[in-house]
Amino acid sequence: MTAERESVDSASLRRIIERNQVWARMAAKYGVENPVPPWKTSLDGMCDALDRAACDVDVPNFKERRDEEDELSATTYAELPYPESQLVALAHSLLARGVISEADLQQRMASIRARLEA
């Protein structure tokens, strides 16, 4: 991973880490017994779609995505458990590559939060 990709400064990603809303803790808080977060299937689908993407945008291929995920999960997001580290590493990579913007990420997170709180 290049230094440029490593140096993503995202308020959204920092808030995710600071809030410590990892699935194991949230599931226990709300009495959910399923060990797999409800968003994991969507994350897997997104990764599959990215792996097959054929466009002009700087979308990482399978190897790049996995290498970046492994590196970020072992360093920048080491304090997060799996699959949260996978989710945040993917967002980091997409931000770094310009596939999504910080504003896009904030908007999507706000819409998800609104659905959860409805």
Protein backbone atom coordinates (compact mmCIF):
# COMPACT_ATOMS: atom_id res chain seq x y z
CA MET A 1 0.00 0.00 0.00
CA THR A 2 1.33 3.42 -0.86
CA ALA A 3 1.93 6.15 1.71
CA GLU A 4 -0.84 8.13 0.02
CA ARG A 5 -3.31 5.33 0.65
CA GLU A 6 -2.14 4.86 4.22
CA SER A 7 -2.67 8.53 5.08
CA VAL A 8 -6.47 8.68 4.85
CA ASP A 9 -7.78 11.07 7.49
CA SER A 10 -11.46 10.27 7.88
CA ALA A 11 -13.58 11.71 10.67
CA SER A 12 -16.18 9.02 9.93
CA LEU A 13 -13.72 6.17 10.38
CA ARG A 14 -12.33 7.75 13.56
CA ARG A 15 -15.87 7.99 14.99
CA ILE A 16 -16.52 4.33 14.25
CA ILE A 17 -13.45 3.37 16.27
CA GLU A 18 -14.13 5.84 19.08
CA ARG A 19 -17.74 4.68 19.53
CA ASN A 20 -16.56 1.07 19.98
CA GLN A 21 -19.77 -0.25 18.47
CA VAL A 22 -18.41 -3.67 17.66
CA TRP A 23 -20.93 -6.42 17.04
CA ALA A 24 -20.11 -8.56 20.09
CA ARG A 25 -20.74 -5.61 22.41
CA MET A 26 -23.85 -4.39 20.57
CA ALA A 27 -25.33 -7.90 20.36
CA ALA A 28 -24.86 -8.38 24.10
CA LYS A 29 -26.38 -4.96 24.82
CA TYR A 30 -29.53 -5.76 22.81
CA GLY A 31 -29.76 -9.48 23.64
CA VAL A 32 -28.97 -10.72 20.13
CA GLU A 33 -27.56 -14.24 20.07
CA ASN A 34 -26.45 -14.40 16.42
CA PRO A 35 -22.64 -14.09 16.39
CA VAL A 36 -22.66 -12.74 12.81
CA PRO A 37 -23.47 -9.03 12.39
CA PRO A 38 -26.52 -8.36 10.20
CA TRP A 39 -24.39 -6.22 7.88
CA LYS A 40 -21.81 -8.97 7.19
CA THR A 41 -23.76 -10.40 4.24
CA SER A 42 -23.94 -6.95 2.62
CA LEU A 43 -20.21 -6.46 3.20
CA ASP A 44 -19.44 -9.81 1.56
CA GLY A 45 -21.68 -8.89 -1.38
CA MET A 46 -19.94 -5.53 -1.75
CA CYS A 47 -16.54 -7.24 -1.77
CA ASP A 48 -17.74 -9.74 -4.38
CA ALA A 49 -19.06 -6.90 -6.56
CA LEU A 50 -15.80 -4.98 -6.24
CA ASP A 51 -13.84 -8.10 -7.18
CA ARG A 52 -15.81 -8.27 -10.43
CA ALA A 53 -15.93 -4.53 -11.17
CA ALA A 54 -14.93 -3.47 -14.65
CA CYS A 55 -14.88 0.31 -14.74
CA ASP A 56 -12.55 3.27 -15.02
CA VAL A 57 -12.64 4.03 -11.30
CA ASP A 58 -9.63 2.95 -9.20
CA VAL A 59 -11.45 -0.03 -7.67
CA PRO A 60 -9.05 -2.49 -6.04
CA ASN A 61 -8.96 -5.97 -7.53
CA PHE A 62 -9.30 -9.00 -5.26
CA LYS A 63 -5.59 -9.24 -4.40
CA GLU A 64 -5.17 -5.51 -3.82
CA ARG A 65 -8.29 -5.36 -1.66
CA ARG A 66 -7.24 -8.34 0.46
CA ASP A 67 -3.64 -7.11 0.78
CA GLU A 68 -4.85 -3.66 1.85
CA GLU A 69 -7.37 -5.21 4.24
CA ASP A 70 -4.70 -7.41 5.82
CA GLU A 71 -2.25 -4.53 6.19
CA LEU A 72 -4.80 -2.07 7.58
CA SER A 73 -6.30 -4.68 9.93
CA ALA A 74 -2.85 -5.44 11.32
CA THR A 75 -1.84 -1.79 11.74
CA THR A 76 -4.25 1.13 11.52
CA TYR A 77 -7.32 -0.83 12.65
CA ALA A 78 -5.64 -3.46 14.82
CA GLU A 79 -7.83 -2.57 17.81
CA LEU A 80 -10.98 -3.58 15.92
CA PRO A 81 -12.09 -7.21 15.85
CA TYR A 82 -13.03 -9.04 12.66
CA PRO A 83 -15.33 -8.37 10.74
CA GLU A 84 -15.40 -4.73 11.87
CA SER A 85 -11.75 -4.38 10.81
CA GLN A 86 -12.67 -5.70 7.35
CA LEU A 87 -15.50 -3.18 7.01
CA VAL A 88 -13.41 -0.19 8.11
CA ALA A 89 -10.41 -1.29 6.02
CA LEU A 90 -12.61 -1.48 2.92
CA ALA A 91 -14.03 1.99 3.58
CA HIS A 92 -10.47 3.27 4.11
CA SER A 93 -9.30 1.78 0.79
CA LEU A 94 -12.27 3.19 -1.11
CA LEU A 95 -11.73 6.64 0.41
CA ALA A 96 -8.01 6.52 -0.38
CA ARG A 97 -8.68 5.58 -3.99
CA GLY A 98 -11.34 8.26 -4.44
CA VAL A 99 -14.07 5.69 -5.12
CA ILE A 100 -16.15 7.31 -2.37
CA SER A 101 -15.76 10.65 -0.63
CA GLU A 102 -15.90 11.48 3.05
CA ALA A 103 -19.25 13.21 2.38
CA ASP A 104 -20.57 10.04 0.69
CA LEU A 105 -19.48 7.93 3.64
CA GLN A 106 -21.04 10.33 6.16
CA GLN A 107 -24.31 10.41 4.20
CA ARG A 108 -24.51 6.62 3.98
CA MET A 109 -23.72 6.22 7.67
CA ALA A 110 -26.40 8.80 8.56
CA SER A 111 -29.03 7.00 6.47
CA ILE A 112 -28.18 3.67 8.08
CA ARG A 113 -28.34 5.20 11.57
CA ALA A 114 -31.73 6.78 10.74
CA ARG A 115 -33.10 3.37 9.66
CA LEU A 116 -31.77 1.72 12.81
CA GLU A 117 -33.24 4.39 15.07
CA ALA A 118 -36.65 4.48 13.32
